[in-house]
Amino acid sequence: MCPLRLIPKIFLFDEDDLDPELRAQRVLNKGRIPALSSYIVDNPDDYVFSALTASVDGHMRFAPIAEQGPPA
């Protein structure tokens, strides 16, 4: 176990040297944070984010929390 703040330091790499197929996450553009936070605050009931994609190298099982989504 280690503090969460150490994780980025443990996994440092140069993206230019890494094949695109092996890139799991792009580097956070901290300059975009003010615009993102304003978007969320200005649209508290209807903001939409891009799709989240996960890459898992191994067996995975999906367990839904409900059989149906909320009523329309």
PDB file of N, CA and C in Angstrom:
ATOM      1  N   MET A   1       0.848  -1.182   0.000  1.00  0.00           N
ATOM      2  CA  MET A   1       0.000   0.000   0.000  1.00  0.00           C
ATOM      3  C   MET A   1       0.886   1.235   0.000  1.00  0.00           C
ATOM      4  N   CYS A   2       0.382   2.264  -0.653  1.00  0.00           N
ATOM      5  CA  CYS A   2       1.104   3.535  -0.664  1.00  0.00           C
ATOM      6  C   CYS A   2       0.085   4.654  -0.803  1.00  0.00           C
ATOM      7  N   PRO A   3       0.492   5.874  -0.425  1.00  0.00           N
ATOM      8  CA  PRO A   3      -0.438   7.006  -0.575  1.00  0.00           C
ATOM      9  C   PRO A   3      -0.776   7.222  -2.050  1.00  0.00           C
ATOM     10  N   LEU A   4      -2.015   7.603  -2.310  1.00  0.00           N
ATOM     11  CA  LEU A   4      -2.485   7.803  -3.674  1.00  0.00           C
ATOM     12  C   LEU A   4      -1.645   8.833  -4.424  1.00  0.00           C
ATOM     13  N   ARG A   5      -1.141   9.828  -3.739  1.00  0.00           N
ATOM     14  CA  ARG A   5      -0.359  10.876  -4.406  1.00  0.00           C
ATOM     15  C   ARG A   5       0.950  10.349  -4.992  1.00  0.00           C
ATOM     16  N   LEU A   6       1.408   9.169  -4.553  1.00  0.00           N
ATOM     17  CA  LEU A   6       2.654   8.604  -5.079  1.00  0.00           C
ATOM     18  C   LEU A   6       2.461   7.833  -6.381  1.00  0.00           C
ATOM     19  N   ILE A   7       1.250   7.429  -6.688  1.00  0.00           N
ATOM     20  CA  ILE A   7       1.001   6.614  -7.887  1.00  0.00           C
ATOM     21  C   ILE A   7       1.510   7.280  -9.165  1.00  0.00           C
ATOM     22  N   PRO A   8       1.203   8.566  -9.426  1.00  0.00           N
ATOM     23  CA  PRO A   8       1.717   9.172 -10.661  1.00  0.00           C
ATOM     24  C   PRO A   8       3.245   9.197 -10.727  1.00  0.00           C
ATOM     25  N   LYS A   9       3.903   9.289  -9.573  1.00  0.00           N
ATOM     26  CA  LYS A   9       5.365   9.328  -9.560  1.00  0.00           C
ATOM     27  C   LYS A   9       5.962   7.947  -9.813  1.00  0.00           C
ATOM     28  N   ILE A  10       5.260   6.917  -9.397  1.00  0.00           N
ATOM     29  CA  ILE A  10       5.747   5.548  -9.592  1.00  0.00           C
ATOM     30  C   ILE A  10       5.668   5.153 -11.058  1.00  0.00           C
ATOM     31  N   PHE A  11       4.634   5.602 -11.743  1.00  0.00           N
ATOM     32  CA  PHE A  11       4.386   5.189 -13.116  1.00  0.00           C
ATOM     33  C   PHE A  11       4.706   6.299 -14.126  1.00  0.00           C
ATOM     34  N   LEU A  12       5.824   6.965 -13.970  1.00  0.00           N
ATOM     35  CA  LEU A  12       6.239   7.991 -14.918  1.00  0.00           C
ATOM     36  C   LEU A  12       6.741   7.343 -16.199  1.00  0.00           C
ATOM     37  N   PHE A  13       6.388   7.909 -17.338  1.00  0.00           N
ATOM     38  CA  PHE A  13       6.891   7.451 -18.627  1.00  0.00           C
ATOM     39  C   PHE A  13       6.783   8.576 -19.629  1.00  0.00           C
ATOM     40  N   ASP A  14       7.529   8.448 -20.701  1.00  0.00           N
ATOM     41  CA  ASP A  14       7.488   9.432 -21.774  1.00  0.00           C
ATOM     42  C   ASP A  14       6.513   8.926 -22.821  1.00  0.00           C
ATOM     43  N   GLU A  15       5.376   9.606 -22.990  1.00  0.00           N
ATOM     44  CA  GLU A  15       4.353   9.146 -23.934  1.00  0.00           C
ATOM     45  C   GLU A  15       4.874   9.018 -25.353  1.00  0.00           C
ATOM     46  N   ASP A  16       5.838   9.859 -25.728  1.00  0.00           N
ATOM     47  CA  ASP A  16       6.369   9.807 -27.080  1.00  0.00           C
ATOM     48  C   ASP A  16       7.107   8.504 -27.356  1.00  0.00           C
ATOM     49  N   ASP A  17       7.637   7.882 -26.312  1.00  0.00           N
ATOM     50  CA  ASP A  17       8.367   6.626 -26.464  1.00  0.00           C
ATOM     51  C   ASP A  17       7.463   5.404 -26.366  1.00  0.00           C
ATOM     52  N   LEU A  18       6.204   5.598 -26.046  1.00  0.00           N
ATOM     53  CA  LEU A  18       5.279   4.485 -25.835  1.00  0.00           C
ATOM     54  C   LEU A  18       4.394   4.295 -27.062  1.00  0.00           C
ATOM     55  N   ASP A  19       4.284   3.054 -27.541  1.00  0.00           N
ATOM     56  CA  ASP A  19       3.427   2.761 -28.683  1.00  0.00           C
ATOM     57  C   ASP A  19       1.982   3.150 -28.371  1.00  0.00           C
ATOM     58  N   PRO A  20       1.245   3.697 -29.351  1.00  0.00           N
ATOM     59  CA  PRO A  20      -0.152   4.102 -29.107  1.00  0.00           C
ATOM     60  C   PRO A  20      -1.012   2.977 -28.565  1.00  0.00           C
ATOM     61  N   GLU A  21      -0.748   1.742 -28.961  1.00  0.00           N
ATOM     62  CA  GLU A  21      -1.554   0.608 -28.487  1.00  0.00           C
ATOM     63  C   GLU A  21      -1.388   0.378 -26.990  1.00  0.00           C
ATOM     64  N   LEU A  22      -0.306   0.869 -26.415  1.00  0.00           N
ATOM     65  CA  LEU A  22      -0.039   0.631 -24.998  1.00  0.00           C
ATOM     66  C   LEU A  22      -0.446   1.798 -24.101  1.00  0.00           C
ATOM     67  N   ARG A  23      -0.900   2.887 -24.708  1.00  0.00           N
ATOM     68  CA  ARG A  23      -1.317   4.042 -23.911  1.00  0.00           C
ATOM     69  C   ARG A  23      -2.704   3.803 -23.347  1.00  0.00           C
ATOM     70  N   ALA A  24      -2.811   3.780 -22.031  1.00  0.00           N
ATOM     71  CA  ALA A  24      -4.103   3.528 -21.403  1.00  0.00           C
ATOM     72  C   ALA A  24      -4.817   4.827 -21.034  1.00  0.00           C
ATOM     73  N   GLN A  25      -4.057   5.881 -20.774  1.00  0.00           N
ATOM     74  CA  GLN A  25      -4.672   7.128 -20.336  1.00  0.00           C
ATOM     75  C   GLN A  25      -3.810   8.289 -20.784  1.00  0.00           C
ATOM     76  N   ARG A  26      -4.419   9.275 -21.386  1.00  0.00           N
ATOM     77  CA  ARG A  26      -3.646  10.454 -21.756  1.00  0.00           C
ATOM     78  C   ARG A  26      -3.406  11.306 -20.514  1.00  0.00           C
ATOM     79  N   VAL A  27      -2.432  12.162 -20.591  1.00  0.00           N
ATOM     80  CA  VAL A  27      -2.072  13.040 -19.480  1.00  0.00           C
ATOM     81  C   VAL A  27      -3.140  14.114 -19.323  1.00  0.00           C
ATOM     82  N   LEU A  28      -3.506  14.403 -18.091  1.00  0.00           N
ATOM     83  CA  LEU A  28      -4.499  15.425 -17.792  1.00  0.00           C
ATOM     84  C   LEU A  28      -3.977  16.798 -18.190  1.00  0.00           C
ATOM     85  N   ASN A  29      -4.757  17.520 -18.973  1.00  0.00           N
ATOM     86  CA  ASN A  29      -4.428  18.888 -19.345  1.00  0.00           C
ATOM     87  C   ASN A  29      -5.001  19.789 -18.253  1.00  0.00           C
ATOM     88  N   LYS A  30      -4.167  20.177 -17.299  1.00  0.00           N
ATOM     89  CA  LYS A  30      -4.639  20.952 -16.144  1.00  0.00           C
ATOM     90  C   LYS A  30      -5.188  22.318 -16.544  1.00  0.00           C
ATOM     91  N   GLY A  31      -4.808  22.804 -17.717  1.00  0.00           N
ATOM     92  CA  GLY A  31      -5.345  24.069 -18.198  1.00  0.00           C
ATOM     93  C   GLY A  31      -6.832  23.995 -18.529  1.00  0.00           C
ATOM     94  N   ARG A  32      -7.361  22.787 -18.734  1.00  0.00           N
ATOM     95  CA  ARG A  32      -8.784  22.606 -19.051  1.00  0.00           C
ATOM     96  C   ARG A  32      -9.663  22.506 -17.801  1.00  0.00           C
ATOM     97  N   ILE A  33      -9.063  22.392 -16.631  1.00  0.00           N
ATOM     98  CA  ILE A  33      -9.839  22.210 -15.398  1.00  0.00           C
ATOM     99  C   ILE A  33     -10.813  23.358 -15.139  1.00  0.00           C
ATOM    100  N   PRO A  34     -10.406  24.627 -15.274  1.00  0.00           N
ATOM    101  CA  PRO A  34     -11.386  25.712 -15.030  1.00  0.00           C
ATOM    102  C   PRO A  34     -12.609  25.626 -15.951  1.00  0.00           C
ATOM    103  N   ALA A  35     -12.409  25.322 -17.229  1.00  0.00           N
ATOM    104  CA  ALA A  35     -13.545  25.221 -18.152  1.00  0.00           C
ATOM    105  C   ALA A  35     -14.433  24.036 -17.796  1.00  0.00           C
ATOM    106  N   LEU A  36     -13.822  22.912 -17.422  1.00  0.00           N
ATOM    107  CA  LEU A  36     -14.612  21.735 -17.041  1.00  0.00           C
ATOM    108  C   LEU A  36     -15.432  22.011 -15.791  1.00  0.00           C
ATOM    109  N   SER A  37     -14.795  22.619 -14.788  1.00  0.00           N
ATOM    110  CA  SER A  37     -15.533  22.884 -13.549  1.00  0.00           C
ATOM    111  C   SER A  37     -16.651  23.901 -13.775  1.00  0.00           C
ATOM    112  N   SER A  38     -16.403  24.913 -14.610  1.00  0.00           N
ATOM    113  CA  SER A  38     -17.462  25.884 -14.917  1.00  0.00           C
ATOM    114  C   SER A  38     -18.632  25.214 -15.621  1.00  0.00           C
ATOM    115  N   TYR A  39     -18.325  24.312 -16.545  1.00  0.00           N
ATOM    116  CA  TYR A  39     -19.369  23.585 -17.268  1.00  0.00           C
ATOM    117  C   TYR A  39     -20.258  22.806 -16.302  1.00  0.00           C
ATOM    118  N   ILE A  40     -19.652  22.131 -15.345  1.00  0.00           N
ATOM    119  CA  ILE A  40     -20.428  21.344 -14.370  1.00  0.00           C
ATOM    120  C   ILE A  40     -21.270  22.269 -13.490  1.00  0.00           C
ATOM    121  N   VAL A  41     -20.671  23.340 -12.992  1.00  0.00           N
ATOM    122  CA  VAL A  41     -21.383  24.261 -12.101  1.00  0.00           C
ATOM    123  C   VAL A  41     -22.517  24.978 -12.839  1.00  0.00           C
ATOM    124  N   ASP A  42     -22.273  25.359 -14.094  1.00  0.00           N
ATOM    125  CA  ASP A  42     -23.288  26.084 -14.864  1.00  0.00           C
ATOM    126  C   ASP A  42     -24.422  25.195 -15.379  1.00  0.00           C
ATOM    127  N   ASN A  43     -24.225  23.899 -15.381  1.00  0.00           N
ATOM    128  CA  ASN A  43     -25.237  22.957 -15.878  1.00  0.00           C
ATOM    129  C   ASN A  43     -25.450  21.824 -14.866  1.00  0.00           C
ATOM    130  N   PRO A  44     -25.879  22.143 -13.647  1.00  0.00           N
ATOM    131  CA  PRO A  44     -25.934  21.122 -12.590  1.00  0.00           C
ATOM    132  C   PRO A  44     -26.909  19.972 -12.858  1.00  0.00           C
ATOM    133  N   ASP A  45     -27.913  20.194 -13.705  1.00  0.00           N
ATOM    134  CA  ASP A  45     -28.909  19.143 -13.926  1.00  0.00           C
ATOM    135  C   ASP A  45     -28.776  18.427 -15.255  1.00  0.00           C
ATOM    136  N   ASP A  46     -27.906  18.924 -16.137  1.00  0.00           N
ATOM    137  CA  ASP A  46     -27.873  18.284 -17.458  1.00  0.00           C
ATOM    138  C   ASP A  46     -26.495  18.279 -18.122  1.00  0.00           C
ATOM    139  N   TYR A  47     -25.430  18.220 -17.330  1.00  0.00           N
ATOM    140  CA  TYR A  47     -24.120  18.135 -17.970  1.00  0.00           C
ATOM    141  C   TYR A  47     -23.883  16.728 -18.503  1.00  0.00           C
ATOM    142  N   VAL A  48     -23.093  16.649 -19.559  1.00  0.00           N
ATOM    143  CA  VAL A  48     -22.802  15.369 -20.201  1.00  0.00           C
ATOM    144  C   VAL A  48     -21.302  15.274 -20.428  1.00  0.00           C
ATOM    145  N   PHE A  49     -20.710  14.171 -20.027  1.00  0.00           N
ATOM    146  CA  PHE A  49     -19.291  13.932 -20.261  1.00  0.00           C
ATOM    147  C   PHE A  49     -19.119  12.959 -21.412  1.00  0.00           C
ATOM    148  N   SER A  50     -17.933  12.925 -21.956  1.00  0.00           N
ATOM    149  CA  SER A  50     -17.607  11.931 -22.972  1.00  0.00           C
ATOM    150  C   SER A  50     -17.689  10.550 -22.332  1.00  0.00           C
ATOM    151  N   ALA A  51     -17.792   9.545 -23.179  1.00  0.00           N
ATOM    152  CA  ALA A  51     -17.851   8.174 -22.682  1.00  0.00           C
ATOM    153  C   ALA A  51     -16.555   7.816 -21.965  1.00  0.00           C
ATOM    154  N   LEU A  52     -16.670   7.041 -20.921  1.00  0.00           N
ATOM    155  CA  LEU A  52     -15.497   6.513 -20.231  1.00  0.00           C
ATOM    156  C   LEU A  52     -15.198   5.138 -20.802  1.00  0.00           C
ATOM    157  N   THR A  53     -13.951   4.873 -21.053  1.00  0.00           N
ATOM    158  CA  THR A  53     -13.544   3.593 -21.608  1.00  0.00           C
ATOM    159  C   THR A  53     -12.515   2.970 -20.691  1.00  0.00           C
ATOM    160  N   ALA A  54     -12.686   1.704 -20.395  1.00  0.00           N
ATOM    161  CA  ALA A  54     -11.721   0.988 -19.559  1.00  0.00           C
ATOM    162  C   ALA A  54     -11.100  -0.135 -20.368  1.00  0.00           C
ATOM    163  N   SER A  55      -9.830  -0.333 -20.144  1.00  0.00           N
ATOM    164  CA  SER A  55      -9.112  -1.424 -20.791  1.00  0.00           C
ATOM    165  C   SER A  55      -8.669  -2.379 -19.697  1.00  0.00           C
ATOM    166  N   VAL A  56      -9.156  -3.608 -19.753  1.00  0.00           N
ATOM    167  CA  VAL A  56      -8.853  -4.580 -18.715  1.00  0.00           C
ATOM    168  C   VAL A  56      -8.147  -5.767 -19.344  1.00  0.00           C
ATOM    169  N   ASP A  57      -6.998  -6.101 -18.802  1.00  0.00           N
ATOM    170  CA  ASP A  57      -6.234  -7.237 -19.307  1.00  0.00           C
ATOM    171  C   ASP A  57      -6.478  -8.419 -18.364  1.00  0.00           C
ATOM    172  N   GLY A  58      -7.605  -9.090 -18.545  1.00  0.00           N
ATOM    173  CA  GLY A  58      -7.941 -10.212 -17.684  1.00  0.00           C
ATOM    174  C   GLY A  58      -9.434 -10.460 -17.686  1.00  0.00           C
ATOM    175  N   HIS A  59      -9.867 -11.447 -16.926  1.00  0.00           N
ATOM    176  CA  HIS A  59     -11.277 -11.813 -16.846  1.00  0.00           C
ATOM    177  C   HIS A  59     -12.040 -10.745 -16.065  1.00  0.00           C
ATOM    178  N   MET A  60     -13.233 -10.416 -16.541  1.00  0.00           N
ATOM    179  CA  MET A  60     -14.045  -9.398 -15.884  1.00  0.00           C
ATOM    180  C   MET A  60     -15.494  -9.849 -15.877  1.00  0.00           C
ATOM    181  N   ARG A  61     -16.224  -9.519 -14.827  1.00  0.00           N
ATOM    182  CA  ARG A  61     -17.644  -9.858 -14.712  1.00  0.00           C
ATOM    183  C   ARG A  61     -18.397  -8.585 -14.377  1.00  0.00           C
ATOM    184  N   PHE A  62     -19.447  -8.294 -15.147  1.00  0.00           N
ATOM    185  CA  PHE A  62     -20.277  -7.117 -14.905  1.00  0.00           C
ATOM    186  C   PHE A  62     -21.477  -7.506 -14.066  1.00  0.00           C
ATOM    187  N   ALA A  63     -21.728  -6.767 -13.008  1.00  0.00           N
ATOM    188  CA  ALA A  63     -22.879  -7.008 -12.144  1.00  0.00           C
ATOM    189  C   ALA A  63     -23.675  -5.707 -12.046  1.00  0.00           C
ATOM    190  N   PRO A  64     -24.812  -5.596 -12.753  1.00  0.00           N
ATOM    191  CA  PRO A  64     -25.596  -4.356 -12.693  1.00  0.00           C
ATOM    192  C   PRO A  64     -26.179  -4.143 -11.300  1.00  0.00           C
ATOM    193  N   ILE A  65     -26.380  -2.890 -10.949  1.00  0.00           N
ATOM    194  CA  ILE A  65     -26.960  -2.606  -9.640  1.00  0.00           C
ATOM    195  C   ILE A  65     -28.483  -2.661  -9.684  1.00  0.00           C
ATOM    196  N   ALA A  66     -29.044  -2.666 -10.898  1.00  0.00           N
ATOM    197  CA  ALA A  66     -30.494  -2.759 -11.060  1.00  0.00           C
ATOM    198  C   ALA A  66     -30.804  -3.408 -12.393  1.00  0.00           C
ATOM    199  N   GLU A  67     -31.982  -3.997 -12.495  1.00  0.00           N
ATOM    200  CA  GLU A  67     -32.384  -4.637 -13.750  1.00  0.00           C
ATOM    201  C   GLU A  67     -32.773  -3.609 -14.797  1.00  0.00           C
ATOM    202  N   GLN A  68     -33.261  -2.428 -14.352  1.00  0.00           N
ATOM    203  CA  GLN A  68     -33.686  -1.371 -15.253  1.00  0.00           C
ATOM    204  C   GLN A  68     -33.095  -0.053 -14.797  1.00  0.00           C
ATOM    205  N   GLY A  69     -33.042   0.900 -15.737  1.00  0.00           N
ATOM    206  CA  GLY A  69     -32.627   2.245 -15.400  1.00  0.00           C
ATOM    207  C   GLY A  69     -33.800   3.019 -14.810  1.00  0.00           C
ATOM    208  N   PRO A  70     -33.592   4.284 -14.495  1.00  0.00           N
ATOM    209  CA  PRO A  70     -34.685   5.089 -13.928  1.00  0.00           C
ATOM    210  C   PRO A  70     -35.776   5.312 -14.988  1.00  0.00           C
ATOM    211  N   PRO A  71     -37.013   5.574 -14.545  1.00  0.00           N
ATOM    212  CA  PRO A  71     -38.095   5.850 -15.508  1.00  0.00           C
ATOM    213  C   PRO A  71     -37.778   7.112 -16.315  1.00  0.00           C
ATOM    214  N   ALA A  72     -38.221   7.118 -17.563  1.00  0.00           N
ATOM    215  CA  ALA A  72     -37.930   8.252 -18.450  1.00  0.00           C
ATOM    216  C   ALA A  72     -38.723   9.477 -18.115  1.00  0.00           C
TER     217      ALA A  72
END
